Each structure stands twice: as structure tokens, then as C-alpha cells.
Amino acid sequence: MRIYSVELLVSGAVTVRRAVEFRTDKELDLGSVFQSDVSIKPHKQGFLISSTVHTADQDRAHKVALLFIGKMLDILVMRVNSPLNVSLNEYRQVTDRNIVRAVIDRAEFTFCFELARNLNLQENKLLRAFSWYRKGLYTDDPFDKFLALWNAISVIADGYCNDNERTRLGVINRIWDCFITLWGPCADWEYVGGNDQWVNDNNEIRNKIAHGGVTIDARYVENVISNLPAVQNVAYKLLTQWATRLGRNVFQQV
């Protein structure tokens, strides 16, 4: 075992004004607490972030760092609601079109690391839903985006719905249960337009995409793309409000 320092590029509409350094607890498994030194500096595509990892070899160090930093990004994405991508690959050669960037300071980074650690140990399903939402934002493939966003909704429904005879019948009923718990009757659900078949229709799209039960043509792709804004808005509202319901307000002032 030795200490490695791993540097990754986080690309997206974010930046830092100046270099940031701090130490934070890393606890990916209950009871295994380690201190990790974190260093963040500006980059034209977002920011460079490095963290120390105590592990057996270089390959494993990269994977642990990606997991550790990725969980922090799951929280940061919810706060800025903008795609953030991190990769072990070489820096992405993309045109920098982010003329408006969210400025992240030391306090916000430390808050995101700490909340991610807390959720990983105590509310792992919520953190997993955040992770699916982050994947949904940064992928360009409309089918992958739809699946990731719907998975975010489904994880909340599976993990936190009321346990009763109706919700045991399937995911559609579990999603309905969570929506009603937060927002009341369907007529009051924002972004849905009073459509009482919205959950059923989108879950059917999810199943067809996931299981290959549809012929891919331009018309179907356009239909999926047209549904994406509402699915994304509903997912974001569900995740952030359910987090607050659990006492884990991602928008806490720092």
C-alpha cells in the first residue's frame, strides 16, 4: 500500500477563481475513514482536481479517485444543475463554449464532499439517484439520457415509496406514490400538464429502449427527444425535494 496523487479533469460550465486546497474525510465503506488531500485549480474546460489515494497500485488508485470525486460531483451537479463530466481518459478536446460558468469556492467543494460521504453511508439510494441524474446530464445520446433520468426517478421510487399493497405491484405505482406524497393529485404535478398517463407512457418508453422492443427510426427518436425536458425537470424536482424531505438539503447555504 502506498499513497498516490491522482489528477482528473472535470469539464463543464463551472470554474474556480483560484487554486483551492483542503483535506477531507473519505469513507467509501462504513468504518474505513481516510484523510484525502484535495487540490483544485482552474482549467479552460472546467477545473482540474487531484486527490490523494491510499491503495495498492496505480490502476486501482485511478479507479478509487474516480469513485471518490464522482460522488462529490453527484452533489455538485444537483446544486448547479448543469452537466459535469469526469474521466480517466486524456483531457477532452472540445471547443469551449461555456461563456457562463458557475463559480465554485472552497466551502461549496467541502460541503459536497461531506454530504456525499454522509449519503454514501446513510442514504445510499438517494446518492445513487443523484448519480443517475448526473449521467443523464452529460451524455449526448438521447436514449442513454432518457434511461439515466428515468432511472433516477425509479431509484427514489423503489427506495422511498410507502410499502403497501398497491406499491408492491410495480414501479409505476411506486413512482405514483412518491409523486402524490410530494405533490398531491396528478393535476398539481408541475411539467406533466395534468396527464394522468405520463408515468405509464414514459415508463413504457424506458422499457422499450432498455429491452430493445422498438424499431429505431427518426420519428421515435424525435418523440424521445421531445419528452426529455419534462422528464429532466420532473427528475430534478423529485430528487431535490425528496432530499429535503430526508433532511439532506442539497441547497444548504455554505
C-alpha atoms as a PDB file:
ATOM      1  CA  MET A   1       0.000   0.000   0.000  1.00  0.00           C
ATOM      2  CA  ARG A   2       1.213   3.479  -0.829  1.00  0.00           C
ATOM      3  CA  ILE A   3      -0.148   6.984  -1.285  1.00  0.00           C
ATOM      4  CA  TYR A   4      -0.931   8.087  -4.848  1.00  0.00           C
ATOM      5  CA  SER A   5      -1.953  11.524  -6.084  1.00  0.00           C
ATOM      6  CA  VAL A   6      -4.488  11.314  -8.918  1.00  0.00           C
ATOM      7  CA  GLU A   7      -5.415  14.293 -11.107  1.00  0.00           C
ATOM      8  CA  LEU A   8      -8.646  14.369 -13.114  1.00  0.00           C
ATOM      9  CA  LEU A   9     -10.293  16.916 -15.368  1.00  0.00           C
ATOM     10  CA  VAL A  10     -13.866  17.927 -14.594  1.00  0.00           C
ATOM     11  CA  SER A  11     -15.345  19.534 -17.680  1.00  0.00           C
ATOM     12  CA  GLY A  12     -18.494  21.642 -17.711  1.00  0.00           C
ATOM     13  CA  ALA A  13     -19.880  25.118 -17.094  1.00  0.00           C
ATOM     14  CA  VAL A  14     -18.019  25.561 -13.793  1.00  0.00           C
ATOM     15  CA  THR A  15     -14.807  27.217 -12.730  1.00  0.00           C
ATOM     16  CA  VAL A  16     -12.796  28.289  -9.703  1.00  0.00           C
ATOM     17  CA  ARG A  17     -11.364  31.760  -9.216  1.00  0.00           C
ATOM     18  CA  ARG A  18      -8.132  30.497  -7.720  1.00  0.00           C
ATOM     19  CA  ALA A  19      -6.467  27.284  -6.591  1.00  0.00           C
ATOM     20  CA  VAL A  20      -8.172  25.554  -3.662  1.00  0.00           C
ATOM     21  CA  GLU A  21      -6.595  23.090  -1.248  1.00  0.00           C
ATOM     22  CA  PHE A  22      -8.090  21.278   1.737  1.00  0.00           C
ATOM     23  CA  ARG A  23      -8.236  17.916   3.482  1.00  0.00           C
ATOM     24  CA  THR A  24     -11.431  15.880   3.725  1.00  0.00           C
ATOM     25  CA  ASP A  25     -12.547  12.521   5.108  1.00  0.00           C
ATOM     26  CA  LYS A  26     -13.008   9.700   2.616  1.00  0.00           C
ATOM     27  CA  GLU A  27     -15.225   6.861   3.793  1.00  0.00           C
ATOM     28  CA  LEU A  28     -16.395   4.714   0.892  1.00  0.00           C
ATOM     29  CA  ASP A  29     -17.036   1.825   3.292  1.00  0.00           C
ATOM     30  CA  LEU A  30     -18.506   2.136   6.783  1.00  0.00           C
ATOM     31  CA  GLY A  31     -15.768   2.427   9.376  1.00  0.00           C
ATOM     32  CA  SER A  32     -12.920   2.826   6.852  1.00  0.00           C
ATOM     33  CA  VAL A  33     -12.131   6.516   7.264  1.00  0.00           C
ATOM     34  CA  PHE A  34      -9.146   8.032   5.494  1.00  0.00           C
ATOM     35  CA  GLN A  35      -7.942  11.574   5.076  1.00  0.00           C
ATOM     36  CA  SER A  36      -7.552  12.734   1.491  1.00  0.00           C
ATOM     37  CA  ASP A  37      -5.735  15.869   0.385  1.00  0.00           C
ATOM     38  CA  VAL A  38      -7.676  17.639  -2.349  1.00  0.00           C
ATOM     39  CA  SER A  39      -6.307  20.273  -4.713  1.00  0.00           C
ATOM     40  CA  ILE A  40      -8.431  22.111  -7.291  1.00  0.00           C
ATOM     41  CA  LYS A  41      -7.285  24.611  -9.913  1.00  0.00           C
ATOM     42  CA  PRO A  42      -8.871  26.356 -12.895  1.00  0.00           C
ATOM     43  CA  HIS A  43      -8.853  24.853 -16.374  1.00  0.00           C
ATOM     44  CA  LYS A  44     -10.289  26.223 -19.611  1.00  0.00           C
ATOM     45  CA  GLN A  45     -12.771  23.310 -19.740  1.00  0.00           C
ATOM     46  CA  GLY A  46     -13.772  23.441 -16.047  1.00  0.00           C
ATOM     47  CA  PHE A  47     -11.300  22.570 -13.306  1.00  0.00           C
ATOM     48  CA  LEU A  48      -8.521  20.116 -12.517  1.00  0.00           C
ATOM     49  CA  ILE A  49      -8.949  18.199  -9.284  1.00  0.00           C
ATOM     50  CA  SER A  50      -6.366  15.975  -7.642  1.00  0.00           C
ATOM     51  CA  SER A  51      -6.783  13.833  -4.538  1.00  0.00           C
ATOM     52  CA  THR A  52      -4.542  11.508  -2.597  1.00  0.00           C
ATOM     53  CA  VAL A  53      -5.467   7.833  -2.505  1.00  0.00           C
ATOM     54  CA  HIS A  54      -4.030   5.142  -0.240  1.00  0.00           C
ATOM     55  CA  THR A  55      -4.146   1.889  -2.190  1.00  0.00           C
ATOM     56  CA  ALA A  56      -2.146  -0.970  -3.707  1.00  0.00           C
ATOM     57  CA  ASP A  57      -1.318   0.138  -7.244  1.00  0.00           C
ATOM     58  CA  GLN A  58      -1.647   2.897  -9.820  1.00  0.00           C
ATOM     59  CA  ASP A  59      -4.590   1.414 -11.710  1.00  0.00           C
ATOM     60  CA  ARG A  60      -6.607   0.959  -8.536  1.00  0.00           C
ATOM     61  CA  ALA A  61      -5.691   4.499  -7.421  1.00  0.00           C
ATOM     62  CA  HIS A  62      -7.269   5.947 -10.571  1.00  0.00           C
ATOM     63  CA  LYS A  63     -10.462   3.967 -10.037  1.00  0.00           C
ATOM     64  CA  VAL A  64     -10.769   4.882  -6.355  1.00  0.00           C
ATOM     65  CA  ALA A  65     -10.161   8.563  -7.133  1.00  0.00           C
ATOM     66  CA  LEU A  66     -12.804   8.474  -9.866  1.00  0.00           C
ATOM     67  CA  LEU A  67     -15.325   6.959  -7.458  1.00  0.00           C
ATOM     68  CA  PHE A  68     -14.445   9.359  -4.625  1.00  0.00           C
ATOM     69  CA  ILE A  69     -14.562  12.503  -6.759  1.00  0.00           C
ATOM     70  CA  GLY A  70     -17.576  11.237  -8.685  1.00  0.00           C
ATOM     71  CA  LYS A  71     -19.670  11.068  -5.524  1.00  0.00           C
ATOM     72  CA  MET A  72     -18.781  14.693  -4.753  1.00  0.00           C
ATOM     73  CA  LEU A  73     -19.808  15.640  -8.294  1.00  0.00           C
ATOM     74  CA  ASP A  74     -23.171  13.899  -7.781  1.00  0.00           C
ATOM     75  CA  ILE A  75     -23.895  16.560  -5.145  1.00  0.00           C
ATOM     76  CA  LEU A  76     -22.361  19.469  -7.061  1.00  0.00           C
ATOM     77  CA  VAL A  77     -24.433  18.653 -10.153  1.00  0.00           C
ATOM     78  CA  MET A  78     -27.616  18.907  -8.090  1.00  0.00           C
ATOM     79  CA  ARG A  79     -26.520  22.332  -6.832  1.00  0.00           C
ATOM     80  CA  VAL A  80     -25.625  23.796 -10.234  1.00  0.00           C
ATOM     81  CA  ASN A  81     -27.999  21.634 -12.352  1.00  0.00           C
ATOM     82  CA  SER A  82     -25.506  21.554 -15.202  1.00  0.00           C
ATOM     83  CA  PRO A  83     -23.598  18.686 -16.877  1.00  0.00           C
ATOM     84  CA  LEU A  84     -20.234  17.832 -15.313  1.00  0.00           C
ATOM     85  CA  ASN A  85     -18.069  15.086 -16.736  1.00  0.00           C
ATOM     86  CA  VAL A  86     -15.010  13.443 -15.199  1.00  0.00           C
ATOM     87  CA  SER A  87     -12.956  10.775 -16.892  1.00  0.00           C
ATOM     88  CA  LEU A  88      -9.818   8.700 -16.552  1.00  0.00           C
ATOM     89  CA  ASN A  89      -9.138   9.311 -20.216  1.00  0.00           C
ATOM     90  CA  GLU A  90      -6.991  12.102 -21.615  1.00  0.00           C
ATOM     91  CA  TYR A  91      -8.424  15.590 -21.470  1.00  0.00           C
ATOM     92  CA  ARG A  92     -11.317  16.008 -23.857  1.00  0.00           C
ATOM     93  CA  GLN A  93     -10.508  18.031 -26.935  1.00  0.00           C
ATOM     94  CA  VAL A  94     -13.665  20.097 -27.170  1.00  0.00           C
ATOM     95  CA  THR A  95     -14.471  23.628 -28.146  1.00  0.00           C
ATOM     96  CA  ASP A  96     -15.000  25.733 -25.066  1.00  0.00           C
ATOM     97  CA  ARG A  97     -18.482  27.244 -25.461  1.00  0.00           C
ATOM     98  CA  ASN A  98     -19.260  27.765 -21.785  1.00  0.00           C
ATOM     99  CA  ILE A  99     -19.339  31.541 -21.666  1.00  0.00           C
ATOM    100  CA  VAL A 100     -21.349  31.472 -18.419  1.00  0.00           C
ATOM    101  CA  ARG A 101     -19.849  29.392 -15.607  1.00  0.00           C
ATOM    102  CA  ALA A 102     -20.858  28.737 -12.015  1.00  0.00           C
ATOM    103  CA  VAL A 103     -18.043  29.779  -9.680  1.00  0.00           C
ATOM    104  CA  ILE A 104     -17.400  27.116  -7.032  1.00  0.00           C
ATOM    105  CA  ASP A 105     -15.489  28.076  -3.895  1.00  0.00           C
ATOM    106  CA  ARG A 106     -13.744  26.080  -1.188  1.00  0.00           C
ATOM    107  CA  ALA A 107     -16.779  25.977   1.115  1.00  0.00           C
ATOM    108  CA  GLU A 108     -19.007  24.529  -1.604  1.00  0.00           C
ATOM    109  CA  PHE A 109     -16.491  21.838  -2.527  1.00  0.00           C
ATOM    110  CA  THR A 110     -16.075  20.768   1.106  1.00  0.00           C
ATOM    111  CA  PHE A 111     -19.865  20.752   1.583  1.00  0.00           C
ATOM    112  CA  CYS A 112     -20.299  18.489  -1.466  1.00  0.00           C
ATOM    113  CA  PHE A 113     -17.608  16.073  -0.296  1.00  0.00           C
ATOM    114  CA  GLU A 114     -19.101  15.890   3.198  1.00  0.00           C
ATOM    115  CA  LEU A 115     -22.714  15.452   2.031  1.00  0.00           C
ATOM    116  CA  ALA A 116     -21.640  12.779  -0.468  1.00  0.00           C
ATOM    117  CA  ARG A 117     -19.841  10.910   2.324  1.00  0.00           C
ATOM    118  CA  ASN A 118     -22.881  11.191   4.572  1.00  0.00           C
ATOM    119  CA  LEU A 119     -25.297   9.980   1.876  1.00  0.00           C
ATOM    120  CA  ASN A 120     -22.986   7.147   0.868  1.00  0.00           C
ATOM    121  CA  LEU A 121     -23.205   5.791   4.405  1.00  0.00           C
ATOM    122  CA  GLN A 122     -26.769   6.704   5.376  1.00  0.00           C
ATOM    123  CA  GLU A 123     -28.893   7.356   2.254  1.00  0.00           C
ATOM    124  CA  ASN A 124     -27.149   5.432  -0.496  1.00  0.00           C
ATOM    125  CA  LYS A 125     -30.263   5.186  -2.671  1.00  0.00           C
ATOM    126  CA  LEU A 126     -30.578   8.972  -2.756  1.00  0.00           C
ATOM    127  CA  LEU A 127     -26.927   9.321  -3.738  1.00  0.00           C
ATOM    128  CA  ARG A 128     -27.413   6.663  -6.413  1.00  0.00           C
ATOM    129  CA  ALA A 129     -30.333   8.647  -7.820  1.00  0.00           C
ATOM    130  CA  PHE A 130     -28.110  11.741  -7.922  1.00  0.00           C
ATOM    131  CA  SER A 131     -25.506   9.710  -9.801  1.00  0.00           C
ATOM    132  CA  TRP A 132     -28.011   8.637 -12.452  1.00  0.00           C
ATOM    133  CA  TYR A 133     -29.151  12.249 -12.824  1.00  0.00           C
ATOM    134  CA  ARG A 134     -25.546  13.386 -13.368  1.00  0.00           C
ATOM    135  CA  LYS A 135     -25.107  10.727 -16.064  1.00  0.00           C
ATOM    136  CA  GLY A 136     -28.317  11.909 -17.688  1.00  0.00           C
ATOM    137  CA  LEU A 137     -26.998  15.447 -17.971  1.00  0.00           C
ATOM    138  CA  TYR A 138     -23.629  14.775 -19.552  1.00  0.00           C
ATOM    139  CA  THR A 139     -24.483  12.066 -22.094  1.00  0.00           C
ATOM    140  CA  ASP A 140     -25.319  13.215 -25.627  1.00  0.00           C
ATOM    141  CA  ASP A 141     -27.201  10.082 -26.679  1.00  0.00           C
ATOM    142  CA  PRO A 142     -30.948  10.808 -26.229  1.00  0.00           C
ATOM    143  CA  PHE A 143     -31.771   7.190 -25.368  1.00  0.00           C
ATOM    144  CA  ASP A 144     -28.991   6.987 -22.767  1.00  0.00           C
ATOM    145  CA  LYS A 145     -30.119  10.342 -21.380  1.00  0.00           C
ATOM    146  CA  PHE A 146     -33.718   9.180 -21.082  1.00  0.00           C
ATOM    147  CA  LEU A 147     -32.714   5.914 -19.385  1.00  0.00           C
ATOM    148  CA  ALA A 148     -30.459   7.666 -16.882  1.00  0.00           C
ATOM    149  CA  LEU A 149     -33.049  10.296 -15.953  1.00  0.00           C
ATOM    150  CA  TRP A 150     -35.821   7.709 -15.624  1.00  0.00           C
ATOM    151  CA  ASN A 151     -33.522   5.518 -13.547  1.00  0.00           C
ATOM    152  CA  ALA A 152     -33.003   8.467 -11.180  1.00  0.00           C
ATOM    153  CA  ILE A 153     -36.778   8.694 -10.702  1.00  0.00           C
ATOM    154  CA  SER A 154     -37.120   4.911 -10.321  1.00  0.00           C
ATOM    155  CA  VAL A 155     -34.380   4.662  -7.677  1.00  0.00           C
ATOM    156  CA  ILE A 156     -36.220   7.177  -5.485  1.00  0.00           C
ATOM    157  CA  ALA A 157     -39.493   5.326  -6.033  1.00  0.00           C
ATOM    158  CA  ASP A 158     -38.016   1.914  -5.241  1.00  0.00           C
ATOM    159  CA  GLY A 159     -36.157   3.155  -2.188  1.00  0.00           C
ATOM    160  CA  TYR A 160     -38.606   5.506  -0.516  1.00  0.00           C
ATOM    161  CA  CYS A 161     -42.209   4.814  -1.534  1.00  0.00           C
ATOM    162  CA  ASN A 162     -44.760   3.758   1.035  1.00  0.00           C
ATOM    163  CA  ASP A 163     -44.934  -0.004   1.427  1.00  0.00           C
ATOM    164  CA  ASN A 164     -48.488  -1.081   0.717  1.00  0.00           C
ATOM    165  CA  GLU A 165     -50.475  -3.490  -1.432  1.00  0.00           C
ATOM    166  CA  ARG A 166     -50.541  -1.095  -4.371  1.00  0.00           C
ATOM    167  CA  THR A 167     -46.831  -0.181  -4.446  1.00  0.00           C
ATOM    168  CA  ARG A 168     -45.895  -3.865  -4.321  1.00  0.00           C
ATOM    169  CA  LEU A 169     -47.466  -4.282  -7.768  1.00  0.00           C
ATOM    170  CA  GLY A 170     -44.697  -2.484  -9.638  1.00  0.00           C
ATOM    171  CA  VAL A 171     -42.527   0.549 -10.293  1.00  0.00           C
ATOM    172  CA  ILE A 172     -45.276   2.607 -11.917  1.00  0.00           C
ATOM    173  CA  ASN A 173     -47.308   2.518  -8.707  1.00  0.00           C
ATOM    174  CA  ARG A 174     -44.203   3.292  -6.659  1.00  0.00           C
ATOM    175  CA  ILE A 175     -43.467   6.376  -8.766  1.00  0.00           C
ATOM    176  CA  TRP A 176     -47.084   7.488  -8.456  1.00  0.00           C
ATOM    177  CA  ASP A 177     -46.895   7.028  -4.700  1.00  0.00           C
ATOM    178  CA  CYS A 178     -43.803   9.251  -4.399  1.00  0.00           C
ATOM    179  CA  PHE A 179     -45.276  11.927  -6.675  1.00  0.00           C
ATOM    180  CA  ILE A 180     -48.506  12.008  -4.677  1.00  0.00           C
ATOM    181  CA  THR A 181     -46.573  12.122  -1.396  1.00  0.00           C
ATOM    182  CA  LEU A 182     -44.736  15.249  -2.527  1.00  0.00           C
ATOM    183  CA  TRP A 183     -47.159  16.999  -4.862  1.00  0.00           C
ATOM    184  CA  GLY A 184     -50.669  15.704  -4.250  1.00  0.00           C
ATOM    185  CA  PRO A 185     -53.036  14.753  -7.114  1.00  0.00           C
ATOM    186  CA  CYS A 186     -51.794  14.462 -10.698  1.00  0.00           C
ATOM    187  CA  ALA A 187     -53.474  17.724 -11.733  1.00  0.00           C
ATOM    188  CA  ASP A 188     -50.968  19.551  -9.486  1.00  0.00           C
ATOM    189  CA  TRP A 189     -47.799  17.911 -10.857  1.00  0.00           C
ATOM    190  CA  GLU A 190     -45.580  20.514 -12.468  1.00  0.00           C
ATOM    191  CA  TYR A 191     -44.281  19.797 -16.015  1.00  0.00           C
ATOM    192  CA  VAL A 192     -46.812  16.980 -16.529  1.00  0.00           C
ATOM    193  CA  GLY A 193     -49.744  19.107 -17.697  1.00  0.00           C
ATOM    194  CA  GLY A 194     -52.359  17.042 -15.879  1.00  0.00           C
ATOM    195  CA  ASN A 195     -51.601  13.957 -17.992  1.00  0.00           C
ATOM    196  CA  ASP A 196     -52.538  11.015 -15.770  1.00  0.00           C
ATOM    197  CA  GLN A 197     -50.786   8.629 -18.200  1.00  0.00           C
ATOM    198  CA  TRP A 198     -47.446  10.478 -18.010  1.00  0.00           C
ATOM    199  CA  VAL A 199     -45.752   7.979 -15.706  1.00  0.00           C
ATOM    200  CA  ASN A 200     -47.108   4.970 -17.618  1.00  0.00           C
ATOM    201  CA  ASP A 201     -46.145   6.365 -21.026  1.00  0.00           C
ATOM    202  CA  ASN A 202     -42.602   7.298 -20.031  1.00  0.00           C
ATOM    203  CA  ASN A 203     -42.031   4.038 -18.207  1.00  0.00           C
ATOM    204  CA  GLU A 204     -43.091   2.234 -21.400  1.00  0.00           C
ATOM    205  CA  ILE A 205     -40.539   4.286 -23.357  1.00  0.00           C
ATOM    206  CA  ARG A 206     -37.922   3.304 -20.788  1.00  0.00           C
ATOM    207  CA  ASN A 207     -38.764  -0.392 -21.157  1.00  0.00           C
ATOM    208  CA  LYS A 208     -38.716  -0.300 -24.958  1.00  0.00           C
ATOM    209  CA  ILE A 209     -35.320   1.434 -25.000  1.00  0.00           C
ATOM    210  CA  ALA A 210     -33.816  -0.797 -22.312  1.00  0.00           C
ATOM    211  CA  HIS A 211     -35.055  -4.075 -23.782  1.00  0.00           C
ATOM    212  CA  GLY A 212     -34.804  -3.240 -27.473  1.00  0.00           C
ATOM    213  CA  GLY A 213     -38.521  -3.603 -28.067  1.00  0.00           C
ATOM    214  CA  VAL A 214     -38.795  -0.802 -30.606  1.00  0.00           C
ATOM    215  CA  THR A 215     -37.711  -0.111 -34.165  1.00  0.00           C
ATOM    216  CA  ILE A 216     -35.393   2.882 -34.114  1.00  0.00           C
ATOM    217  CA  ASP A 217     -36.478   5.456 -36.666  1.00  0.00           C
ATOM    218  CA  ALA A 218     -36.346   9.243 -36.880  1.00  0.00           C
ATOM    219  CA  ARG A 219     -39.913   9.649 -35.649  1.00  0.00           C
ATOM    220  CA  TYR A 220     -39.322   7.583 -32.493  1.00  0.00           C
ATOM    221  CA  VAL A 221     -36.052   9.353 -31.723  1.00  0.00           C
ATOM    222  CA  GLU A 222     -37.811  12.709 -32.102  1.00  0.00           C
ATOM    223  CA  ASN A 223     -40.555  11.541 -29.725  1.00  0.00           C
ATOM    224  CA  VAL A 224     -37.991  10.587 -27.076  1.00  0.00           C
ATOM    225  CA  ILE A 225     -36.154  13.900 -27.503  1.00  0.00           C
ATOM    226  CA  SER A 226     -39.402  15.841 -27.136  1.00  0.00           C
ATOM    227  CA  ASN A 227     -40.102  14.083 -23.815  1.00  0.00           C
ATOM    228  CA  LEU A 228     -36.657  14.726 -22.354  1.00  0.00           C
ATOM    229  CA  PRO A 229     -37.175  18.283 -20.980  1.00  0.00           C
ATOM    230  CA  ALA A 230     -40.199  17.271 -18.895  1.00  0.00           C
ATOM    231  CA  VAL A 231     -38.515  14.073 -17.671  1.00  0.00           C
ATOM    232  CA  GLN A 232     -35.396  16.024 -16.678  1.00  0.00           C
ATOM    233  CA  ASN A 233     -37.400  18.727 -14.880  1.00  0.00           C
ATOM    234  CA  VAL A 234     -39.519  16.182 -13.014  1.00  0.00           C
ATOM    235  CA  ALA A 235     -36.442  14.150 -12.043  1.00  0.00           C
ATOM    236  CA  TYR A 236     -34.608  17.206 -10.730  1.00  0.00           C
ATOM    237  CA  LYS A 237     -37.609  18.411  -8.723  1.00  0.00           C
ATOM    238  CA  LEU A 238     -38.237  14.925  -7.302  1.00  0.00           C
ATOM    239  CA  LEU A 239     -34.614  14.365  -6.286  1.00  0.00           C
ATOM    240  CA  THR A 240     -34.026  17.752  -4.704  1.00  0.00           C
ATOM    241  CA  GLN A 241     -37.349  17.842  -2.856  1.00  0.00           C
ATOM    242  CA  TRP A 242     -37.019  14.258  -1.649  1.00  0.00           C
ATOM    243  CA  ALA A 243     -33.548  15.070  -0.369  1.00  0.00           C
ATOM    244  CA  THR A 244     -35.029  17.963   1.624  1.00  0.00           C
ATOM    245  CA  ARG A 245     -37.761  15.634   2.907  1.00  0.00           C
ATOM    246  CA  LEU A 246     -34.971  13.371   4.223  1.00  0.00           C
ATOM    247  CA  GLY A 247     -33.236  16.322   5.902  1.00  0.00           C
ATOM    248  CA  ARG A 248     -30.466  16.415   3.268  1.00  0.00           C
ATOM    249  CA  ASN A 249     -30.960  19.819   1.645  1.00  0.00           C
ATOM    250  CA  VAL A 250     -28.523  19.994  -1.272  1.00  0.00           C
ATOM    251  CA  PHE A 251     -29.048  23.756  -1.496  1.00  0.00           C
ATOM    252  CA  GLN A 252     -27.908  24.456   2.052  1.00  0.00           C
ATOM    253  CA  GLN A 253     -26.027  27.749   2.307  1.00  0.00           C
ATOM    254  CA  VAL A 254     -22.308  27.248   2.806  1.00  0.00           C
END
